[in-house]
Amino acid sequence: MHELSIVTYVIEQVEEIAKENQLTDIESVTLEFGEVSGIEPEYLVDCWNWYAKKTPLIEHTKFLYETIPAVTWCNACKSTYPTLQYGKTCPHCGSGETWLQQGNEMNIKQIVAC
């Protein structure tokens, strides 16, 4: 379960940012991740809830997440298409000369402090 290591990393980053900016109350943290990143949202929320109880700064912080759609680029016809629907084969020209343009990333999108 890599969700726990992701949550650990995110909370450590939030704590560091809070310390640098002298923040004492974090209202919410929003994470964004790609739909083909392998992250299971339910596990991520469970891990956040478990780990947050052990971290005073984060204990009452609302955890939010957004999914970034997976988009693939076709080098042959220079177009994009939804990855989950069509996979590695371009629906426009049938080429397999494609690569994932977005949808595998993970970012801390927003931290809201009071």
PDB file of N, CA and C in Angstrom:
ATOM      1  N   MET A   1       0.849  -1.171   0.000  1.00  0.00           N
ATOM      2  CA  MET A   1       0.000   0.000   0.000  1.00  0.00           C
ATOM      3  C   MET A   1       0.900   1.241   0.000  1.00  0.00           C
ATOM      4  N   HIS A   2       1.079   1.837  -1.163  1.00  0.00           N
ATOM      5  CA  HIS A   2       1.921   3.027  -1.243  1.00  0.00           C
ATOM      6  C   HIS A   2       1.179   4.291  -0.826  1.00  0.00           C
ATOM      7  N   GLU A   3      -0.104   4.186  -0.566  1.00  0.00           N
ATOM      8  CA  GLU A   3      -0.871   5.351  -0.132  1.00  0.00           C
ATOM      9  C   GLU A   3      -0.356   5.895   1.200  1.00  0.00           C
ATOM     10  N   LEU A   4       0.079   4.990   2.095  1.00  0.00           N
ATOM     11  CA  LEU A   4       0.594   5.449   3.385  1.00  0.00           C
ATOM     12  C   LEU A   4       1.884   6.239   3.196  1.00  0.00           C
ATOM     13  N   SER A   5       2.757   5.794   2.311  1.00  0.00           N
ATOM     14  CA  SER A   5       3.991   6.555   2.082  1.00  0.00           C
ATOM     15  C   SER A   5       3.686   7.894   1.425  1.00  0.00           C
ATOM     16  N   ILE A   6       2.672   7.953   0.575  1.00  0.00           N
ATOM     17  CA  ILE A   6       2.262   9.223  -0.037  1.00  0.00           C
ATOM     18  C   ILE A   6       1.747  10.174   1.046  1.00  0.00           C
ATOM     19  N   VAL A   7       0.874   9.682   1.904  1.00  0.00           N
ATOM     20  CA  VAL A   7       0.326  10.511   2.982  1.00  0.00           C
ATOM     21  C   VAL A   7       1.442  10.975   3.916  1.00  0.00           C
ATOM     22  N   THR A   8       2.358  10.100   4.238  1.00  0.00           N
ATOM     23  CA  THR A   8       3.487  10.470   5.093  1.00  0.00           C
ATOM     24  C   THR A   8       4.278  11.611   4.467  1.00  0.00           C
ATOM     25  N   TYR A   9       4.582  11.476   3.185  1.00  0.00           N
ATOM     26  CA  TYR A   9       5.313  12.515   2.465  1.00  0.00           C
ATOM     27  C   TYR A   9       4.535  13.832   2.471  1.00  0.00           C
ATOM     28  N   VAL A  10       3.260  13.781   2.144  1.00  0.00           N
ATOM     29  CA  VAL A  10       2.436  14.998   2.061  1.00  0.00           C
ATOM     30  C   VAL A  10       2.373  15.691   3.422  1.00  0.00           C
ATOM     31  N   ILE A  11       2.124  14.944   4.467  1.00  0.00           N
ATOM     32  CA  ILE A  11       2.029  15.555   5.799  1.00  0.00           C
ATOM     33  C   ILE A  11       3.368  16.150   6.216  1.00  0.00           C
ATOM     34  N   GLU A  12       4.463  15.475   5.918  1.00  0.00           N
ATOM     35  CA  GLU A  12       5.781  16.037   6.229  1.00  0.00           C
ATOM     36  C   GLU A  12       6.014  17.340   5.472  1.00  0.00           C
ATOM     37  N   GLN A  13       5.597  17.383   4.215  1.00  0.00           N
ATOM     38  CA  GLN A  13       5.743  18.607   3.422  1.00  0.00           C
ATOM     39  C   GLN A  13       4.871  19.736   3.992  1.00  0.00           C
ATOM     40  N   VAL A  14       3.649  19.406   4.367  1.00  0.00           N
ATOM     41  CA  VAL A  14       2.746  20.408   4.947  1.00  0.00           C
ATOM     42  C   VAL A  14       3.324  20.942   6.257  1.00  0.00           C
ATOM     43  N   GLU A  15       3.861  20.056   7.076  1.00  0.00           N
ATOM     44  CA  GLU A  15       4.472  20.493   8.334  1.00  0.00           C
ATOM     45  C   GLU A  15       5.651  21.434   8.082  1.00  0.00           C
ATOM     46  N   GLU A  16       6.451  21.116   7.090  1.00  0.00           N
ATOM     47  CA  GLU A  16       7.598  21.953   6.750  1.00  0.00           C
ATOM     48  C   GLU A  16       7.144  23.329   6.252  1.00  0.00           C
ATOM     49  N   ILE A  17       6.149  23.340   5.380  1.00  0.00           N
ATOM     50  CA  ILE A  17       5.607  24.601   4.857  1.00  0.00           C
ATOM     51  C   ILE A  17       5.001  25.425   5.997  1.00  0.00           C
ATOM     52  N   ALA A  18       4.292  24.753   6.890  1.00  0.00           N
ATOM     53  CA  ALA A  18       3.687  25.454   8.039  1.00  0.00           C
ATOM     54  C   ALA A  18       4.764  26.075   8.913  1.00  0.00           C
ATOM     55  N   LYS A  19       5.829  25.340   9.141  1.00  0.00           N
ATOM     56  CA  LYS A  19       6.924  25.855   9.981  1.00  0.00           C
ATOM     57  C   LYS A  19       7.580  27.059   9.308  1.00  0.00           C
ATOM     58  N   GLU A  20       7.854  26.957   8.007  1.00  0.00           N
ATOM     59  CA  GLU A  20       8.494  28.054   7.266  1.00  0.00           C
ATOM     60  C   GLU A  20       7.643  29.321   7.275  1.00  0.00           C
ATOM     61  N   ASN A  21       6.329  29.138   7.290  1.00  0.00           N
ATOM     62  CA  ASN A  21       5.410  30.274   7.213  1.00  0.00           C
ATOM     63  C   ASN A  21       4.738  30.599   8.546  1.00  0.00           C
ATOM     64  N   GLN A  22       5.212  29.980   9.615  1.00  0.00           N
ATOM     65  CA  GLN A  22       4.707  30.191  10.964  1.00  0.00           C
ATOM     66  C   GLN A  22       3.193  29.986  11.058  1.00  0.00           C
ATOM     67  N   LEU A  23       2.714  28.920  10.444  1.00  0.00           N
ATOM     68  CA  LEU A  23       1.290  28.569  10.470  1.00  0.00           C
ATOM     69  C   LEU A  23       1.035  27.622  11.622  1.00  0.00           C
ATOM     70  N   THR A  24      -0.052  27.846  12.329  1.00  0.00           N
ATOM     71  CA  THR A  24      -0.369  26.980  13.467  1.00  0.00           C
ATOM     72  C   THR A  24      -1.682  26.233  13.302  1.00  0.00           C
ATOM     73  N   ASP A  25      -2.444  26.587  12.276  1.00  0.00           N
ATOM     74  CA  ASP A  25      -3.727  25.922  12.058  1.00  0.00           C
ATOM     75  C   ASP A  25      -3.953  25.727  10.560  1.00  0.00           C
ATOM     76  N   ILE A  26      -3.961  24.478  10.127  1.00  0.00           N
ATOM     77  CA  ILE A  26      -4.179  24.144   8.718  1.00  0.00           C
ATOM     78  C   ILE A  26      -5.628  23.694   8.572  1.00  0.00           C
ATOM     79  N   GLU A  27      -6.392  24.422   7.790  1.00  0.00           N
ATOM     80  CA  GLU A  27      -7.809  24.111   7.604  1.00  0.00           C
ATOM     81  C   GLU A  27      -8.020  22.937   6.646  1.00  0.00           C
ATOM     82  N   SER A  28      -7.305  22.967   5.505  1.00  0.00           N
ATOM     83  CA  SER A  28      -7.470  21.876   4.541  1.00  0.00           C
ATOM     84  C   SER A  28      -6.218  21.703   3.694  1.00  0.00           C
ATOM     85  N   VAL A  29      -6.081  20.499   3.175  1.00  0.00           N
ATOM     86  CA  VAL A  29      -5.014  20.160   2.228  1.00  0.00           C
ATOM     87  C   VAL A  29      -5.684  19.474   1.053  1.00  0.00           C
ATOM     88  N   THR A  30      -5.367  19.960  -0.168  1.00  0.00           N
ATOM     89  CA  THR A  30      -5.910  19.354  -1.380  1.00  0.00           C
ATOM     90  C   THR A  30      -4.773  18.723  -2.160  1.00  0.00           C
ATOM     91  N   LEU A  31      -4.952  17.459  -2.459  1.00  0.00           N
ATOM     92  CA  LEU A  31      -3.989  16.698  -3.241  1.00  0.00           C
ATOM     93  C   LEU A  31      -4.615  16.416  -4.598  1.00  0.00           C
ATOM     94  N   GLU A  32      -3.825  16.499  -5.654  1.00  0.00           N
ATOM     95  CA  GLU A  32      -4.320  16.110  -6.969  1.00  0.00           C
ATOM     96  C   GLU A  32      -3.427  14.989  -7.486  1.00  0.00           C
ATOM     97  N   PHE A  33      -4.069  14.004  -8.124  1.00  0.00           N
ATOM     98  CA  PHE A  33      -3.298  12.887  -8.665  1.00  0.00           C
ATOM     99  C   PHE A  33      -3.976  12.346  -9.913  1.00  0.00           C
ATOM    100  N   GLY A  34      -3.162  11.757 -10.764  1.00  0.00           N
ATOM    101  CA  GLY A  34      -3.639  11.239 -12.035  1.00  0.00           C
ATOM    102  C   GLY A  34      -4.458   9.975 -11.896  1.00  0.00           C
ATOM    103  N   GLU A  35      -5.395   9.819 -12.824  1.00  0.00           N
ATOM    104  CA  GLU A  35      -6.286   8.657 -12.756  1.00  0.00           C
ATOM    105  C   GLU A  35      -5.575   7.348 -13.093  1.00  0.00           C
ATOM    106  N   VAL A  36      -4.358   7.403 -13.646  1.00  0.00           N
ATOM    107  CA  VAL A  36      -3.595   6.180 -13.878  1.00  0.00           C
ATOM    108  C   VAL A  36      -2.344   6.130 -13.003  1.00  0.00           C
ATOM    109  N   SER A  37      -2.370   6.873 -11.899  1.00  0.00           N
ATOM    110  CA  SER A  37      -1.228   6.914 -10.977  1.00  0.00           C
ATOM    111  C   SER A  37      -1.158   5.675 -10.087  1.00  0.00           C
ATOM    112  N   GLY A  38      -2.225   4.929 -10.031  1.00  0.00           N
ATOM    113  CA  GLY A  38      -2.259   3.753  -9.166  1.00  0.00           C
ATOM    114  C   GLY A  38      -2.692   4.077  -7.746  1.00  0.00           C
ATOM    115  N   ILE A  39      -3.017   5.313  -7.483  1.00  0.00           N
ATOM    116  CA  ILE A  39      -3.459   5.715  -6.150  1.00  0.00           C
ATOM    117  C   ILE A  39      -4.935   5.371  -5.988  1.00  0.00           C
ATOM    118  N   GLU A  40      -5.253   4.685  -4.909  1.00  0.00           N
ATOM    119  CA  GLU A  40      -6.630   4.331  -4.589  1.00  0.00           C
ATOM    120  C   GLU A  40      -7.177   5.377  -3.622  1.00  0.00           C
ATOM    121  N   PRO A  41      -8.130   6.189  -4.071  1.00  0.00           N
ATOM    122  CA  PRO A  41      -8.628   7.280  -3.224  1.00  0.00           C
ATOM    123  C   PRO A  41      -9.120   6.832  -1.847  1.00  0.00           C
ATOM    124  N   GLU A  42      -9.825   5.711  -1.781  1.00  0.00           N
ATOM    125  CA  GLU A  42     -10.347   5.253  -0.486  1.00  0.00           C
ATOM    126  C   GLU A  42      -9.214   4.926   0.480  1.00  0.00           C
ATOM    127  N   TYR A  43      -8.157   4.281  -0.025  1.00  0.00           N
ATOM    128  CA  TYR A  43      -7.008   3.959   0.819  1.00  0.00           C
ATOM    129  C   TYR A  43      -6.291   5.235   1.250  1.00  0.00           C
ATOM    130  N   LEU A  44      -6.201   6.184   0.329  1.00  0.00           N
ATOM    131  CA  LEU A  44      -5.540   7.449   0.630  1.00  0.00           C
ATOM    132  C   LEU A  44      -6.260   8.167   1.771  1.00  0.00           C
ATOM    133  N   VAL A  45      -7.572   8.227   1.707  1.00  0.00           N
ATOM    134  CA  VAL A  45      -8.364   8.875   2.761  1.00  0.00           C
ATOM    135  C   VAL A  45      -8.189   8.135   4.082  1.00  0.00           C
ATOM    136  N   ASP A  46      -8.241   6.809   4.054  1.00  0.00           N
ATOM    137  CA  ASP A  46      -8.054   6.025   5.281  1.00  0.00           C
ATOM    138  C   ASP A  46      -6.679   6.288   5.898  1.00  0.00           C
ATOM    139  N   CYS A  47      -5.656   6.306   5.051  1.00  0.00           N
ATOM    140  CA  CYS A  47      -4.296   6.558   5.540  1.00  0.00           C
ATOM    141  C   CYS A  47      -4.179   7.967   6.110  1.00  0.00           C
ATOM    142  N   TRP A  48      -4.789   8.941   5.430  1.00  0.00           N
ATOM    143  CA  TRP A  48      -4.772  10.318   5.932  1.00  0.00           C
ATOM    144  C   TRP A  48      -5.418  10.372   7.320  1.00  0.00           C
ATOM    145  N   ASN A  49      -6.592   9.790   7.458  1.00  0.00           N
ATOM    146  CA  ASN A  49      -7.304   9.827   8.730  1.00  0.00           C
ATOM    147  C   ASN A  49      -6.501   9.179   9.847  1.00  0.00           C
ATOM    148  N   TRP A  50      -5.836   8.076   9.537  1.00  0.00           N
ATOM    149  CA  TRP A  50      -5.032   7.372  10.537  1.00  0.00           C
ATOM    150  C   TRP A  50      -3.814   8.202  10.932  1.00  0.00           C
ATOM    151  N   TYR A  51      -3.088   8.693   9.932  1.00  0.00           N
ATOM    152  CA  TYR A  51      -1.847   9.424  10.195  1.00  0.00           C
ATOM    153  C   TYR A  51      -2.124  10.796  10.824  1.00  0.00           C
ATOM    154  N   ALA A  52      -3.184  11.460  10.419  1.00  0.00           N
ATOM    155  CA  ALA A  52      -3.501  12.791  10.936  1.00  0.00           C
ATOM    156  C   ALA A  52      -3.731  12.774  12.443  1.00  0.00           C
ATOM    157  N   LYS A  53      -4.265  11.669  12.959  1.00  0.00           N
ATOM    158  CA  LYS A  53      -4.502  11.550  14.405  1.00  0.00           C
ATOM    159  C   LYS A  53      -3.199  11.601  15.195  1.00  0.00           C
ATOM    160  N   LYS A  54      -2.102  11.276  14.538  1.00  0.00           N
ATOM    161  CA  LYS A  54      -0.794  11.231  15.193  1.00  0.00           C
ATOM    162  C   LYS A  54      -0.007  12.536  15.013  1.00  0.00           C
ATOM    163  N   THR A  55      -0.614  13.494  14.316  1.00  0.00           N
ATOM    164  CA  THR A  55       0.091  14.730  13.981  1.00  0.00           C
ATOM    165  C   THR A  55      -0.740  15.927  14.444  1.00  0.00           C
ATOM    166  N   PRO A  56      -0.360  16.560  15.560  1.00  0.00           N
ATOM    167  CA  PRO A  56      -1.178  17.644  16.120  1.00  0.00           C
ATOM    168  C   PRO A  56      -1.547  18.744  15.121  1.00  0.00           C
ATOM    169  N   LEU A  57      -0.618  19.176  14.290  1.00  0.00           N
ATOM    170  CA  LEU A  57      -0.901  20.247  13.340  1.00  0.00           C
ATOM    171  C   LEU A  57      -1.973  19.851  12.327  1.00  0.00           C
ATOM    172  N   ILE A  58      -2.032  18.580  11.983  1.00  0.00           N
ATOM    173  CA  ILE A  58      -2.904  18.076  10.920  1.00  0.00           C
ATOM    174  C   ILE A  58      -4.164  17.411  11.467  1.00  0.00           C
ATOM    175  N   GLU A  59      -4.218  17.181  12.742  1.00  0.00           N
ATOM    176  CA  GLU A  59      -5.271  16.377  13.355  1.00  0.00           C
ATOM    177  C   GLU A  59      -6.693  16.749  12.922  1.00  0.00           C
ATOM    178  N   HIS A  60      -6.984  18.026  12.775  1.00  0.00           N
ATOM    179  CA  HIS A  60      -8.344  18.453  12.426  1.00  0.00           C
ATOM    180  C   HIS A  60      -8.432  19.025  11.005  1.00  0.00           C
ATOM    181  N   THR A  61      -7.415  18.759  10.217  1.00  0.00           N
ATOM    182  CA  THR A  61      -7.354  19.273   8.854  1.00  0.00           C
ATOM    183  C   THR A  61      -8.239  18.454   7.924  1.00  0.00           C
ATOM    184  N   LYS A  62      -8.987  19.142   7.087  1.00  0.00           N
ATOM    185  CA  LYS A  62      -9.827  18.473   6.096  1.00  0.00           C
ATOM    186  C   LYS A  62      -8.948  18.057   4.916  1.00  0.00           C
ATOM    187  N   PHE A  63      -9.094  16.806   4.514  1.00  0.00           N
ATOM    188  CA  PHE A  63      -8.323  16.285   3.389  1.00  0.00           C
ATOM    189  C   PHE A  63      -9.225  16.217   2.162  1.00  0.00           C
ATOM    190  N   LEU A  64      -8.769  16.851   1.080  1.00  0.00           N
ATOM    191  CA  LEU A  64      -9.514  16.861  -0.176  1.00  0.00           C
ATOM    192  C   LEU A  64      -8.614  16.324  -1.283  1.00  0.00           C
ATOM    193  N   TYR A  65      -9.228  15.777  -2.324  1.00  0.00           N
ATOM    194  CA  TYR A  65      -8.416  15.331  -3.461  1.00  0.00           C
ATOM    195  C   TYR A  65      -9.177  15.550  -4.758  1.00  0.00           C
ATOM    196  N   GLU A  66      -8.410  15.693  -5.824  1.00  0.00           N
ATOM    197  CA  GLU A  66      -8.952  15.844  -7.168  1.00  0.00           C
ATOM    198  C   GLU A  66      -8.204  14.892  -8.090  1.00  0.00           C
ATOM    199  N   THR A  67      -8.935  14.357  -9.049  1.00  0.00           N
ATOM    200  CA  THR A  67      -8.326  13.432 -10.002  1.00  0.00           C
ATOM    201  C   THR A  67      -8.015  14.162 -11.304  1.00  0.00           C
ATOM    202  N   ILE A  68      -6.797  13.982 -11.787  1.00  0.00           N
ATOM    203  CA  ILE A  68      -6.366  14.556 -13.062  1.00  0.00           C
ATOM    204  C   ILE A  68      -6.626  13.508 -14.139  1.00  0.00           C
ATOM    205  N   PRO A  69      -7.394  13.837 -15.173  1.00  0.00           N
ATOM    206  CA  PRO A  69      -7.690  12.853 -16.213  1.00  0.00           C
ATOM    207  C   PRO A  69      -6.426  12.445 -16.975  1.00  0.00           C
ATOM    208  N   ALA A  70      -6.376  11.182 -17.342  1.00  0.00           N
ATOM    209  CA  ALA A  70      -5.250  10.679 -18.136  1.00  0.00           C
ATOM    210  C   ALA A  70      -5.478  11.040 -19.599  1.00  0.00           C
ATOM    211  N   VAL A  71      -4.464  11.670 -20.194  1.00  0.00           N
ATOM    212  CA  VAL A  71      -4.525  12.085 -21.593  1.00  0.00           C
ATOM    213  C   VAL A  71      -3.268  11.576 -22.289  1.00  0.00           C
ATOM    214  N   THR A  72      -3.447  10.983 -23.462  1.00  0.00           N
ATOM    215  CA  THR A  72      -2.332  10.462 -24.240  1.00  0.00           C
ATOM    216  C   THR A  72      -2.141  11.299 -25.502  1.00  0.00           C
ATOM    217  N   TRP A  73      -0.874  11.493 -25.861  1.00  0.00           N
ATOM    218  CA  TRP A  73      -0.481  12.239 -27.054  1.00  0.00           C
ATOM    219  C   TRP A  73      -0.054  11.257 -28.138  1.00  0.00           C
ATOM    220  N   CYS A  74      -0.508  11.495 -29.360  1.00  0.00           N
ATOM    221  CA  CYS A  74      -0.103  10.673 -30.499  1.00  0.00           C
ATOM    222  C   CYS A  74       0.918  11.451 -31.326  1.00  0.00           C
ATOM    223  N   ASN A  75       2.103  10.890 -31.456  1.00  0.00           N
ATOM    224  CA  ASN A  75       3.148  11.534 -32.259  1.00  0.00           C
ATOM    225  C   ASN A  75       2.816  11.488 -33.749  1.00  0.00           C
ATOM    226  N   ALA A  76       2.090  10.484 -34.171  1.00  0.00           N
ATOM    227  CA  ALA A  76       1.789  10.321 -35.592  1.00  0.00           C
ATOM    228  C   ALA A  76       0.848  11.396 -36.125  1.00  0.00           C
ATOM    229  N   CYS A  77      -0.259  11.626 -35.439  1.00  0.00           N
ATOM    230  CA  CYS A  77      -1.245  12.599 -35.947  1.00  0.00           C
ATOM    231  C   CYS A  77      -1.306  13.876 -35.117  1.00  0.00           C
ATOM    232  N   LYS A  78      -0.429  13.977 -34.116  1.00  0.00           N
ATOM    233  CA  LYS A  78      -0.323  15.193 -33.290  1.00  0.00           C
ATOM    234  C   LYS A  78      -1.635  15.575 -32.602  1.00  0.00           C
ATOM    235  N   SER A  79      -2.297  14.573 -32.042  1.00  0.00           N
ATOM    236  CA  SER A  79      -3.541  14.841 -31.331  1.00  0.00           C
ATOM    237  C   SER A  79      -3.517  14.142 -29.971  1.00  0.00           C
ATOM    238  N   THR A  80      -4.461  14.525 -29.117  1.00  0.00           N
ATOM    239  CA  THR A  80      -4.597  13.892 -27.805  1.00  0.00           C
ATOM    240  C   THR A  80      -5.919  13.144 -27.738  1.00  0.00           C
ATOM    241  N   TYR A  81      -5.983  12.226 -26.792  1.00  0.00           N
ATOM    242  CA  TYR A  81      -7.209  11.468 -26.578  1.00  0.00           C
ATOM    243  C   TYR A  81      -7.239  10.941 -25.144  1.00  0.00           C
ATOM    244  N   PRO A  82      -8.439  10.568 -24.647  1.00  0.00           N
ATOM    245  CA  PRO A  82      -8.554  10.036 -23.282  1.00  0.00           C
ATOM    246  C   PRO A  82      -7.927   8.634 -23.186  1.00  0.00           C
ATOM    247  N   THR A  83      -6.956   8.515 -22.320  1.00  0.00           N
ATOM    248  CA  THR A  83      -6.172   7.283 -22.194  1.00  0.00           C
ATOM    249  C   THR A  83      -7.006   6.085 -21.765  1.00  0.00           C
ATOM    250  N   LEU A  84      -7.837   6.257 -20.747  1.00  0.00           N
ATOM    251  CA  LEU A  84      -8.591   5.113 -20.235  1.00  0.00           C
ATOM    252  C   LEU A  84      -9.530   4.518 -21.281  1.00  0.00           C
ATOM    253  N   GLN A  85     -10.072   5.360 -22.105  1.00  0.00           N
ATOM    254  CA  GLN A  85     -11.024   4.887 -23.112  1.00  0.00           C
ATOM    255  C   GLN A  85     -10.342   4.151 -24.264  1.00  0.00           C
ATOM    256  N   TYR A  86      -9.139   4.592 -24.651  1.00  0.00           N
ATOM    257  CA  TYR A  86      -8.517   4.040 -25.854  1.00  0.00           C
ATOM    258  C   TYR A  86      -7.176   3.348 -25.645  1.00  0.00           C
ATOM    259  N   GLY A  87      -6.571   3.477 -24.487  1.00  0.00           N
ATOM    260  CA  GLY A  87      -5.302   2.811 -24.227  1.00  0.00           C
ATOM    261  C   GLY A  87      -4.157   3.420 -25.022  1.00  0.00           C
ATOM    262  N   LYS A  88      -3.271   2.564 -25.525  1.00  0.00           N
ATOM    263  CA  LYS A  88      -2.069   3.034 -26.216  1.00  0.00           C
ATOM    264  C   LYS A  88      -2.263   3.239 -27.711  1.00  0.00           C
ATOM    265  N   THR A  89      -3.389   2.835 -28.236  1.00  0.00           N
ATOM    266  CA  THR A  89      -3.628   2.984 -29.671  1.00  0.00           C
ATOM    267  C   THR A  89      -4.490   4.208 -29.940  1.00  0.00           C
ATOM    268  N   CYS A  90      -3.972   5.094 -30.777  1.00  0.00           N
ATOM    269  CA  CYS A  90      -4.669   6.348 -31.079  1.00  0.00           C
ATOM    270  C   CYS A  90      -5.989   6.068 -31.801  1.00  0.00           C
ATOM    271  N   PRO A  91      -7.093   6.612 -31.296  1.00  0.00           N
ATOM    272  CA  PRO A  91      -8.391   6.397 -31.943  1.00  0.00           C
ATOM    273  C   PRO A  91      -8.552   7.221 -33.228  1.00  0.00           C
ATOM    274  N   HIS A  92      -7.692   8.205 -33.420  1.00  0.00           N
ATOM    275  CA  HIS A  92      -7.790   9.068 -34.600  1.00  0.00           C
ATOM    276  C   HIS A  92      -7.109   8.466 -35.823  1.00  0.00           C
ATOM    277  N   CYS A  93      -5.929   7.839 -35.587  1.00  0.00           N
ATOM    278  CA  CYS A  93      -5.165   7.338 -36.733  1.00  0.00           C
ATOM    279  C   CYS A  93      -4.723   5.886 -36.597  1.00  0.00           C
ATOM    280  N   GLY A  94      -4.949   5.278 -35.428  1.00  0.00           N
ATOM    281  CA  GLY A  94      -4.592   3.876 -35.225  1.00  0.00           C
ATOM    282  C   GLY A  94      -3.129   3.639 -34.879  1.00  0.00           C
ATOM    283  N   SER A  95      -2.364   4.685 -34.708  1.00  0.00           N
ATOM    284  CA  SER A  95      -0.940   4.559 -34.401  1.00  0.00           C
ATOM    285  C   SER A  95      -0.721   4.111 -32.963  1.00  0.00           C
ATOM    286  N   GLY A  96       0.371   3.418 -32.735  1.00  0.00           N
ATOM    287  CA  GLY A  96       0.789   3.048 -31.391  1.00  0.00           C
ATOM    288  C   GLY A  96       1.940   3.925 -30.926  1.00  0.00           C
ATOM    289  N   GLU A  97       2.275   4.919 -31.728  1.00  0.00           N
ATOM    290  CA  GLU A  97       3.359   5.849 -31.401  1.00  0.00           C
ATOM    291  C   GLU A  97       2.807   6.944 -30.491  1.00  0.00           C
ATOM    292  N   THR A  98       2.512   6.549 -29.255  1.00  0.00           N
ATOM    293  CA  THR A  98       1.836   7.425 -28.305  1.00  0.00           C
ATOM    294  C   THR A  98       2.573   7.445 -26.977  1.00  0.00           C
ATOM    295  N   TRP A  99       2.305   8.465 -26.185  1.00  0.00           N
ATOM    296  CA  TRP A  99       2.850   8.535 -24.837  1.00  0.00           C
ATOM    297  C   TRP A  99       1.891   9.283 -23.922  1.00  0.00           C
ATOM    298  N   LEU A 100       1.955   8.922 -22.658  1.00  0.00           N
ATOM    299  CA  LEU A 100       1.072   9.514 -21.647  1.00  0.00           C
ATOM    300  C   LEU A 100       1.497  10.955 -21.392  1.00  0.00           C
ATOM    301  N   GLN A 101       0.597  11.880 -21.668  1.00  0.00           N
ATOM    302  CA  GLN A 101       0.885  13.301 -21.505  1.00  0.00           C
ATOM    303  C   GLN A 101       0.592  13.767 -20.075  1.00  0.00           C
ATOM    304  N   GLN A 102      -0.488  13.282 -19.504  1.00  0.00           N
ATOM    305  CA  GLN A 102      -0.842  13.610 -18.117  1.00  0.00           C
ATOM    306  C   GLN A 102      -1.700  12.492 -17.560  1.00  0.00           C
ATOM    307  N   GLY A 103      -1.710  12.424 -16.224  1.00  0.00           N
ATOM    308  CA  GLY A 103      -2.567  11.447 -15.574  1.00  0.00           C
ATOM    309  C   GLY A 103      -1.829  10.489 -14.663  1.00  0.00           C
ATOM    310  N   ASN A 104      -0.491  10.647 -14.557  1.00  0.00           N
ATOM    311  CA  ASN A 104       0.290   9.781 -13.687  1.00  0.00           C
ATOM    312  C   ASN A 104       0.958  10.570 -12.552  1.00  0.00           C
ATOM    313  N   GLU A 105       0.697  11.860 -12.478  1.00  0.00           N
ATOM    314  CA  GLU A 105       1.361  12.722 -11.507  1.00  0.00           C
ATOM    315  C   GLU A 105       0.607  12.801 -10.185  1.00  0.00           C
ATOM    316  N   MET A 106       1.290  13.397  -9.188  1.00  0.00           N
ATOM    317  CA  MET A 106       0.695  13.635  -7.886  1.00  0.00           C
ATOM    318  C   MET A 106       1.288  14.931  -7.355  1.00  0.00           C
ATOM    319  N   ASN A 107       0.434  15.862  -6.922  1.00  0.00           N
ATOM    320  CA  ASN A 107       0.883  17.161  -6.432  1.00  0.00           C
ATOM    321  C   ASN A 107       0.051  17.607  -5.230  1.00  0.00           C
ATOM    322  N   ILE A 108       0.693  18.363  -4.363  1.00  0.00           N
ATOM    323  CA  ILE A 108      -0.066  19.064  -3.337  1.00  0.00           C
ATOM    324  C   ILE A 108      -0.588  20.312  -4.046  1.00  0.00           C
ATOM    325  N   LYS A 109      -1.867  20.373  -4.239  1.00  0.00           N
ATOM    326  CA  LYS A 109      -2.461  21.470  -5.002  1.00  0.00           C
ATOM    327  C   LYS A 109      -2.666  22.713  -4.135  1.00  0.00           C
ATOM    328  N   GLN A 110      -3.149  22.503  -2.911  1.00  0.00           N
ATOM    329  CA  GLN A 110      -3.497  23.666  -2.095  1.00  0.00           C
ATOM    330  C   GLN A 110      -3.417  23.335  -0.612  1.00  0.00           C
ATOM    331  N   ILE A 111      -2.954  24.310   0.144  1.00  0.00           N
ATOM    332  CA  ILE A 111      -2.971  24.246   1.603  1.00  0.00           C
ATOM    333  C   ILE A 111      -3.683  25.501   2.073  1.00  0.00           C
ATOM    334  N   VAL A 112      -4.754  25.322   2.825  1.00  0.00           N
ATOM    335  CA  VAL A 112      -5.503  26.469   3.353  1.00  0.00           C
ATOM    336  C   VAL A 112      -5.236  26.555   4.843  1.00  0.00           C
ATOM    337  N   ALA A 113      -4.734  27.716   5.269  1.00  0.00           N
ATOM    338  CA  ALA A 113      -4.434  27.943   6.672  1.00  0.00           C
ATOM    339  C   ALA A 113      -5.348  29.039   7.218  1.00  0.00           C
ATOM    340  N   CYS A 114      -5.637  28.933   8.496  1.00  0.00           N
ATOM    341  CA  CYS A 114      -6.474  29.956   9.150  1.00  0.00           C
ATOM    342  C   CYS A 114      -5.605  31.026   9.764  1.00  0.00           C
TER     343      CYS A 114
END
